[in-house]
Amino acid sequence: METQLIFFLLFAVAAYFIVTDESVAAAFYYVSKIATQYIQRQWWWLQNNPRNPIVKYQMNRRSMKLAEELMRELNSK
């Protein structure tokens, strides 16, 4: 119960400063935007990093499919 009370007090103090001071509200907005962009950048890097074994497998599979299509096309002509 004490942990909930501590978090409530922290959020209440933060909300008070955000509501009363315009510059604090702007800073909170910009910090939240920066945090969102950082999380999106990390997520993109995790999904597209060539050292990731899952991404390696997907790239290899795509390349093999394309190579097979090109070989079929070359052999048919």
PDB file of N, CA and C in Angstrom:
ATOM      1  N   MET A   1       0.819  -1.190   0.000  1.00  0.00           N
ATOM      2  CA  MET A   1       0.000   0.000   0.000  1.00  0.00           C
ATOM      3  C   MET A   1       0.864   1.255   0.000  1.00  0.00           C
ATOM      4  N   GLU A   2       1.985   1.207   0.679  1.00  0.00           N
ATOM      5  CA  GLU A   2       2.844   2.382   0.737  1.00  0.00           C
ATOM      6  C   GLU A   2       3.413   2.733  -0.627  1.00  0.00           C
ATOM      7  N   THR A   3       3.728   1.718  -1.427  1.00  0.00           N
ATOM      8  CA  THR A   3       4.271   1.964  -2.765  1.00  0.00           C
ATOM      9  C   THR A   3       3.255   2.698  -3.623  1.00  0.00           C
ATOM     10  N   GLN A   4       2.002   2.280  -3.528  1.00  0.00           N
ATOM     11  CA  GLN A   4       0.951   2.960  -4.296  1.00  0.00           C
ATOM     12  C   GLN A   4       0.815   4.413  -3.859  1.00  0.00           C
ATOM     13  N   LEU A   5       0.910   4.648  -2.575  1.00  0.00           N
ATOM     14  CA  LEU A   5       0.806   6.013  -2.063  1.00  0.00           C
ATOM     15  C   LEU A   5       1.977   6.872  -2.538  1.00  0.00           C
ATOM     16  N   ILE A   6       3.162   6.296  -2.548  1.00  0.00           N
ATOM     17  CA  ILE A   6       4.347   7.035  -3.015  1.00  0.00           C
ATOM     18  C   ILE A   6       4.192   7.390  -4.487  1.00  0.00           C
ATOM     19  N   PHE A   7       3.771   6.419  -5.316  1.00  0.00           N
ATOM     20  CA  PHE A   7       3.563   6.704  -6.741  1.00  0.00           C
ATOM     21  C   PHE A   7       2.470   7.749  -6.940  1.00  0.00           C
ATOM     22  N   PHE A   8       1.403   7.638  -6.169  1.00  0.00           N
ATOM     23  CA  PHE A   8       0.327   8.622  -6.269  1.00  0.00           C
ATOM     24  C   PHE A   8       0.828  10.028  -5.942  1.00  0.00           C
ATOM     25  N   LEU A   9       1.625  10.142  -4.896  1.00  0.00           N
ATOM     26  CA  LEU A   9       2.163  11.449  -4.527  1.00  0.00           C
ATOM     27  C   LEU A   9       3.094  12.000  -5.601  1.00  0.00           C
ATOM     28  N   LEU A  10       3.941  11.142  -6.161  1.00  0.00           N
ATOM     29  CA  LEU A  10       4.837  11.589  -7.236  1.00  0.00           C
ATOM     30  C   LEU A  10       4.042  12.082  -8.443  1.00  0.00           C
ATOM     31  N   PHE A  11       3.035  11.322  -8.846  1.00  0.00           N
ATOM     32  CA  PHE A  11       2.221  11.735  -9.990  1.00  0.00           C
ATOM     33  C   PHE A  11       1.398  12.984  -9.676  1.00  0.00           C
ATOM     34  N   ALA A  12       0.954  13.107  -8.435  1.00  0.00           N
ATOM     35  CA  ALA A  12       0.194  14.295  -8.045  1.00  0.00           C
ATOM     36  C   ALA A  12       1.078  15.541  -8.104  1.00  0.00           C
ATOM     37  N   VAL A  13       2.299  15.436  -7.613  1.00  0.00           N
ATOM     38  CA  VAL A  13       3.220  16.577  -7.663  1.00  0.00           C
ATOM     39  C   VAL A  13       3.551  16.920  -9.110  1.00  0.00           C
ATOM     40  N   ALA A  14       3.815  15.918  -9.930  1.00  0.00           N
ATOM     41  CA  ALA A  14       4.108  16.162 -11.350  1.00  0.00           C
ATOM     42  C   ALA A  14       2.905  16.795 -12.043  1.00  0.00           C
ATOM     43  N   ALA A  15       1.718  16.293 -11.773  1.00  0.00           N
ATOM     44  CA  ALA A  15       0.512  16.862 -12.383  1.00  0.00           C
ATOM     45  C   ALA A  15       0.304  18.305 -11.940  1.00  0.00           C
ATOM     46  N   TYR A  16       0.586  18.586 -10.678  1.00  0.00           N
ATOM     47  CA  TYR A  16       0.448  19.962 -10.182  1.00  0.00           C
ATOM     48  C   TYR A  16       1.371  20.907 -10.945  1.00  0.00           C
ATOM     49  N   PHE A  17       2.632  20.509 -11.110  1.00  0.00           N
ATOM     50  CA  PHE A  17       3.564  21.377 -11.826  1.00  0.00           C
ATOM     51  C   PHE A  17       3.192  21.500 -13.299  1.00  0.00           C
ATOM     52  N   ILE A  18       2.703  20.428 -13.896  1.00  0.00           N
ATOM     53  CA  ILE A  18       2.313  20.484 -15.308  1.00  0.00           C
ATOM     54  C   ILE A  18       1.126  21.421 -15.495  1.00  0.00           C
ATOM     55  N   VAL A  19       0.171  21.354 -14.583  1.00  0.00           N
ATOM     56  CA  VAL A  19      -1.023  22.193 -14.709  1.00  0.00           C
ATOM     57  C   VAL A  19      -0.709  23.655 -14.417  1.00  0.00           C
ATOM     58  N   THR A  20       0.139  23.921 -13.455  1.00  0.00           N
ATOM     59  CA  THR A  20       0.355  25.306 -13.042  1.00  0.00           C
ATOM     60  C   THR A  20       1.383  26.055 -13.888  1.00  0.00           C
ATOM     61  N   ASP A  21       2.375  25.358 -14.423  1.00  0.00           N
ATOM     62  CA  ASP A  21       3.439  26.045 -15.163  1.00  0.00           C
ATOM     63  C   ASP A  21       3.454  25.567 -16.610  1.00  0.00           C
ATOM     64  N   GLU A  22       3.322  26.517 -17.524  1.00  0.00           N
ATOM     65  CA  GLU A  22       3.249  26.197 -18.939  1.00  0.00           C
ATOM     66  C   GLU A  22       4.567  25.620 -19.474  1.00  0.00           C
ATOM     67  N   SER A  23       5.688  26.117 -18.981  1.00  0.00           N
ATOM     68  CA  SER A  23       6.975  25.630 -19.466  1.00  0.00           C
ATOM     69  C   SER A  23       7.228  24.184 -19.013  1.00  0.00           C
ATOM     70  N   VAL A  24       6.745  23.821 -17.832  1.00  0.00           N
ATOM     71  CA  VAL A  24       6.882  22.435 -17.372  1.00  0.00           C
ATOM     72  C   VAL A  24       6.028  21.521 -18.240  1.00  0.00           C
ATOM     73  N   ALA A  25       4.841  21.994 -18.612  1.00  0.00           N
ATOM     74  CA  ALA A  25       3.981  21.206 -19.490  1.00  0.00           C
ATOM     75  C   ALA A  25       4.657  21.004 -20.844  1.00  0.00           C
ATOM     76  N   ALA A  26       5.275  22.049 -21.385  1.00  0.00           N
ATOM     77  CA  ALA A  26       5.973  21.928 -22.666  1.00  0.00           C
ATOM     78  C   ALA A  26       7.163  20.983 -22.546  1.00  0.00           C
ATOM     79  N   ALA A  27       7.900  21.086 -21.461  1.00  0.00           N
ATOM     80  CA  ALA A  27       9.038  20.187 -21.254  1.00  0.00           C
ATOM     81  C   ALA A  27       8.573  18.737 -21.130  1.00  0.00           C
ATOM     82  N   PHE A  28       7.484  18.501 -20.409  1.00  0.00           N
ATOM     83  CA  PHE A  28       6.935  17.151 -20.290  1.00  0.00           C
ATOM     84  C   PHE A  28       6.533  16.615 -21.659  1.00  0.00           C
ATOM     85  N   TYR A  29       5.899  17.466 -22.465  1.00  0.00           N
ATOM     86  CA  TYR A  29       5.488  17.070 -23.816  1.00  0.00           C
ATOM     87  C   TYR A  29       6.708  16.699 -24.667  1.00  0.00           C
ATOM     88  N   TYR A  30       7.747  17.524 -24.639  1.00  0.00           N
ATOM     89  CA  TYR A  30       8.929  17.250 -25.451  1.00  0.00           C
ATOM     90  C   TYR A  30       9.687  16.024 -24.972  1.00  0.00           C
ATOM     91  N   VAL A  31       9.771  15.837 -23.673  1.00  0.00           N
ATOM     92  CA  VAL A  31      10.445  14.654 -23.141  1.00  0.00           C
ATOM     93  C   VAL A  31       9.680  13.392 -23.523  1.00  0.00           C
ATOM     94  N   SER A  32       8.361  13.460 -23.477  1.00  0.00           N
ATOM     95  CA  SER A  32       7.578  12.286 -23.874  1.00  0.00           C
ATOM     96  C   SER A  32       7.742  11.998 -25.364  1.00  0.00           C
ATOM     97  N   LYS A  33       7.832  13.034 -26.190  1.00  0.00           N
ATOM     98  CA  LYS A  33       8.070  12.833 -27.624  1.00  0.00           C
ATOM     99  C   LYS A  33       9.445  12.220 -27.874  1.00  0.00           C
ATOM    100  N   ILE A  34      10.463  12.704 -27.161  1.00  0.00           N
ATOM    101  CA  ILE A  34      11.815  12.157 -27.305  1.00  0.00           C
ATOM    102  C   ILE A  34      11.842  10.696 -26.888  1.00  0.00           C
ATOM    103  N   ALA A  35      11.171  10.373 -25.794  1.00  0.00           N
ATOM    104  CA  ALA A  35      11.137   8.981 -25.327  1.00  0.00           C
ATOM    105  C   ALA A  35      10.429   8.092 -26.331  1.00  0.00           C
ATOM    106  N   THR A  36       9.340   8.577 -26.912  1.00  0.00           N
ATOM    107  CA  THR A  36       8.614   7.799 -27.918  1.00  0.00           C
ATOM    108  C   THR A  36       9.493   7.545 -29.138  1.00  0.00           C
ATOM    109  N   GLN A  37      10.201   8.573 -29.598  1.00  0.00           N
ATOM    110  CA  GLN A  37      11.081   8.410 -30.757  1.00  0.00           C
ATOM    111  C   GLN A  37      12.213   7.434 -30.457  1.00  0.00           C
ATOM    112  N   TYR A  38      12.757   7.486 -29.256  1.00  0.00           N
ATOM    113  CA  TYR A  38      13.832   6.566 -28.879  1.00  0.00           C
ATOM    114  C   TYR A  38      13.336   5.124 -28.888  1.00  0.00           C
ATOM    115  N   ILE A  39      12.152   4.913 -28.348  1.00  0.00           N
ATOM    116  CA  ILE A  39      11.593   3.555 -28.324  1.00  0.00           C
ATOM    117  C   ILE A  39      11.320   3.071 -29.735  1.00  0.00           C
ATOM    118  N   GLN A  40      10.777   3.942 -30.594  1.00  0.00           N
ATOM    119  CA  GLN A  40      10.527   3.557 -31.979  1.00  0.00           C
ATOM    120  C   GLN A  40      11.833   3.236 -32.704  1.00  0.00           C
ATOM    121  N   ARG A  41      12.897   4.005 -32.455  1.00  0.00           N
ATOM    122  CA  ARG A  41      14.185   3.753 -33.099  1.00  0.00           C
ATOM    123  C   ARG A  41      14.761   2.418 -32.648  1.00  0.00           C
ATOM    124  N   GLN A  42      14.672   2.129 -31.352  1.00  0.00           N
ATOM    125  CA  GLN A  42      15.174   0.855 -30.847  1.00  0.00           C
ATOM    126  C   GLN A  42      14.382  -0.316 -31.413  1.00  0.00           C
ATOM    127  N   TRP A  43      13.064  -0.164 -31.500  1.00  0.00           N
ATOM    128  CA  TRP A  43      12.219  -1.223 -32.051  1.00  0.00           C
ATOM    129  C   TRP A  43      12.559  -1.458 -33.523  1.00  0.00           C
ATOM    130  N   TRP A  44      12.740  -0.378 -34.304  1.00  0.00           N
ATOM    131  CA  TRP A  44      13.096  -0.529 -35.716  1.00  0.00           C
ATOM    132  C   TRP A  44      14.442  -1.236 -35.842  1.00  0.00           C
ATOM    133  N   TRP A  45      15.417  -0.850 -35.017  1.00  0.00           N
ATOM    134  CA  TRP A  45      16.737  -1.463 -35.083  1.00  0.00           C
ATOM    135  C   TRP A  45      16.676  -2.941 -34.716  1.00  0.00           C
ATOM    136  N   LEU A  46      15.852  -3.296 -33.763  1.00  0.00           N
ATOM    137  CA  LEU A  46      15.700  -4.689 -33.369  1.00  0.00           C
ATOM    138  C   LEU A  46      15.097  -5.507 -34.509  1.00  0.00           C
ATOM    139  N   GLN A  47      14.183  -4.910 -35.244  1.00  0.00           N
ATOM    140  CA  GLN A  47      13.534  -5.627 -36.337  1.00  0.00           C
ATOM    141  C   GLN A  47      14.376  -5.672 -37.604  1.00  0.00           C
ATOM    142  N   ASN A  48      15.324  -4.757 -37.783  1.00  0.00           N
ATOM    143  CA  ASN A  48      16.069  -4.675 -39.038  1.00  0.00           C
ATOM    144  C   ASN A  48      17.568  -4.867 -38.885  1.00  0.00           C
ATOM    145  N   ASN A  49      18.035  -5.204 -37.713  1.00  0.00           N
ATOM    146  CA  ASN A  49      19.465  -5.395 -37.492  1.00  0.00           C
ATOM    147  C   ASN A  49      19.923  -6.677 -38.186  1.00  0.00           C
ATOM    148  N   PRO A  50      20.890  -6.604 -39.111  1.00  0.00           N
ATOM    149  CA  PRO A  50      21.322  -7.801 -39.828  1.00  0.00           C
ATOM    150  C   PRO A  50      22.030  -8.824 -38.941  1.00  0.00           C
ATOM    151  N   ARG A  51      22.458  -8.444 -37.734  1.00  0.00           N
ATOM    152  CA  ARG A  51      23.087  -9.405 -36.832  1.00  0.00           C
ATOM    153  C   ARG A  51      22.059 -10.246 -36.073  1.00  0.00           C
ATOM    154  N   ASN A  52      20.796  -9.857 -36.157  1.00  0.00           N
ATOM    155  CA  ASN A  52      19.726 -10.600 -35.507  1.00  0.00           C
ATOM    156  C   ASN A  52      19.482 -11.885 -36.307  1.00  0.00           C
ATOM    157  N   PRO A  53      19.521 -13.068 -35.680  1.00  0.00           N
ATOM    158  CA  PRO A  53      19.376 -14.319 -36.436  1.00  0.00           C
ATOM    159  C   PRO A  53      18.026 -14.457 -37.138  1.00  0.00           C
ATOM    160  N   ILE A  54      16.978 -13.928 -36.560  1.00  0.00           N
ATOM    161  CA  ILE A  54      15.666 -14.014 -37.206  1.00  0.00           C
ATOM    162  C   ILE A  54      15.651 -13.166 -38.466  1.00  0.00           C
ATOM    163  N   VAL A  55      16.229 -11.990 -38.392  1.00  0.00           N
ATOM    164  CA  VAL A  55      16.290 -11.110 -39.561  1.00  0.00           C
ATOM    165  C   VAL A  55      17.185 -11.736 -40.629  1.00  0.00           C
ATOM    166  N   LYS A  56      18.294 -12.350 -40.215  1.00  0.00           N
ATOM    167  CA  LYS A  56      19.165 -13.044 -41.173  1.00  0.00           C
ATOM    168  C   LYS A  56      18.390 -14.118 -41.924  1.00  0.00           C
ATOM    169  N   TYR A  57      17.612 -14.904 -41.186  1.00  0.00           N
ATOM    170  CA  TYR A  57      16.828 -15.970 -41.800  1.00  0.00           C
ATOM    171  C   TYR A  57      15.827 -15.396 -42.793  1.00  0.00           C
ATOM    172  N   GLN A  58      15.131 -14.323 -42.416  1.00  0.00           N
ATOM    173  CA  GLN A  58      14.151 -13.721 -43.312  1.00  0.00           C
ATOM    174  C   GLN A  58      14.808 -13.166 -44.572  1.00  0.00           C
ATOM    175  N   MET A  59      15.969 -12.529 -44.420  1.00  0.00           N
ATOM    176  CA  MET A  59      16.676 -11.992 -45.586  1.00  0.00           C
ATOM    177  C   MET A  59      17.146 -13.121 -46.496  1.00  0.00           C
ATOM    178  N   ASN A  60      17.666 -14.188 -45.890  1.00  0.00           N
ATOM    179  CA  ASN A  60      18.137 -15.322 -46.673  1.00  0.00           C
ATOM    180  C   ASN A  60      16.983 -15.973 -47.422  1.00  0.00           C
ATOM    181  N   ARG A  61      15.854 -16.160 -46.760  1.00  0.00           N
ATOM    182  CA  ARG A  61      14.693 -16.774 -47.395  1.00  0.00           C
ATOM    183  C   ARG A  61      14.194 -15.923 -48.558  1.00  0.00           C
ATOM    184  N   ARG A  62      14.129 -14.600 -48.360  1.00  0.00           N
ATOM    185  CA  ARG A  62      13.704 -13.707 -49.436  1.00  0.00           C
ATOM    186  C   ARG A  62      14.666 -13.772 -50.618  1.00  0.00           C
ATOM    187  N   SER A  63      15.963 -13.796 -50.318  1.00  0.00           N
ATOM    188  CA  SER A  63      16.965 -13.844 -51.380  1.00  0.00           C
ATOM    189  C   SER A  63      16.877 -15.158 -52.148  1.00  0.00           C
ATOM    190  N   MET A  64      16.674 -16.263 -51.431  1.00  0.00           N
ATOM    191  CA  MET A  64      16.563 -17.564 -52.103  1.00  0.00           C
ATOM    192  C   MET A  64      15.323 -17.634 -52.983  1.00  0.00           C
ATOM    193  N   LYS A  65      14.209 -17.089 -52.539  1.00  0.00           N
ATOM    194  CA  LYS A  65      12.998 -17.067 -53.361  1.00  0.00           C
ATOM    195  C   LYS A  65      13.237 -16.260 -54.638  1.00  0.00           C
ATOM    196  N   LEU A  66      13.872 -15.114 -54.498  1.00  0.00           N
ATOM    197  CA  LEU A  66      14.157 -14.281 -55.658  1.00  0.00           C
ATOM    198  C   LEU A  66      15.116 -14.984 -56.605  1.00  0.00           C
ATOM    199  N   ALA A  67      16.130 -15.653 -56.059  1.00  0.00           N
ATOM    200  CA  ALA A  67      17.081 -16.378 -56.903  1.00  0.00           C
ATOM    201  C   ALA A  67      16.394 -17.517 -57.646  1.00  0.00           C
ATOM    202  N   GLU A  68      15.501 -18.229 -56.984  1.00  0.00           N
ATOM    203  CA  GLU A  68      14.781 -19.311 -57.658  1.00  0.00           C
ATOM    204  C   GLU A  68      13.894 -18.773 -58.767  1.00  0.00           C
ATOM    205  N   GLU A  69      13.200 -17.662 -58.524  1.00  0.00           N
ATOM    206  CA  GLU A  69      12.367 -17.051 -59.564  1.00  0.00           C
ATOM    207  C   GLU A  69      13.217 -16.625 -60.757  1.00  0.00           C
ATOM    208  N   LEU A  70      14.361 -16.016 -60.483  1.00  0.00           N
ATOM    209  CA  LEU A  70      15.233 -15.578 -61.581  1.00  0.00           C
ATOM    210  C   LEU A  70      15.784 -16.770 -62.358  1.00  0.00           C
ATOM    211  N   MET A  71      16.137 -17.849 -61.670  1.00  0.00           N
ATOM    212  CA  MET A  71      16.634 -19.046 -62.362  1.00  0.00           C
ATOM    213  C   MET A  71      15.538 -19.660 -63.229  1.00  0.00           C
ATOM    214  N   ARG A  72      14.310 -19.726 -62.724  1.00  0.00           N
ATOM    215  CA  ARG A  72      13.196 -20.235 -63.530  1.00  0.00           C
ATOM    216  C   ARG A  72      12.990 -19.371 -64.752  1.00  0.00           C
ATOM    217  N   GLU A  73      13.059 -18.054 -64.572  1.00  0.00           N
ATOM    218  CA  GLU A  73      12.870 -17.115 -65.685  1.00  0.00           C
ATOM    219  C   GLU A  73      13.982 -17.268 -66.725  1.00  0.00           C
ATOM    220  N   LEU A  74      15.233 -17.405 -66.261  1.00  0.00           N
ATOM    221  CA  LEU A  74      16.352 -17.580 -67.194  1.00  0.00           C
ATOM    222  C   LEU A  74      16.279 -18.904 -67.928  1.00  0.00           C
ATOM    223  N   ASN A  75      15.898 -19.955 -67.244  1.00  0.00           N
ATOM    224  CA  ASN A  75      15.813 -21.271 -67.888  1.00  0.00           C
ATOM    225  C   ASN A  75      14.654 -21.360 -68.864  1.00  0.00           C
ATOM    226  N   SER A  76      13.590 -20.601 -68.636  1.00  0.00           N
ATOM    227  CA  SER A  76      12.452 -20.647 -69.553  1.00  0.00           C
ATOM    228  C   SER A  76      12.724 -19.873 -70.833  1.00  0.00           C
ATOM    229  N   LYS A  77      13.660 -18.941 -70.819  1.00  0.00           N
ATOM    230  CA  LYS A  77      13.943 -18.136 -72.012  1.00  0.00           C
ATOM    231  C   LYS A  77      15.083 -18.685 -72.732  1.00  0.00           C
TER     232      LYS A  77
END
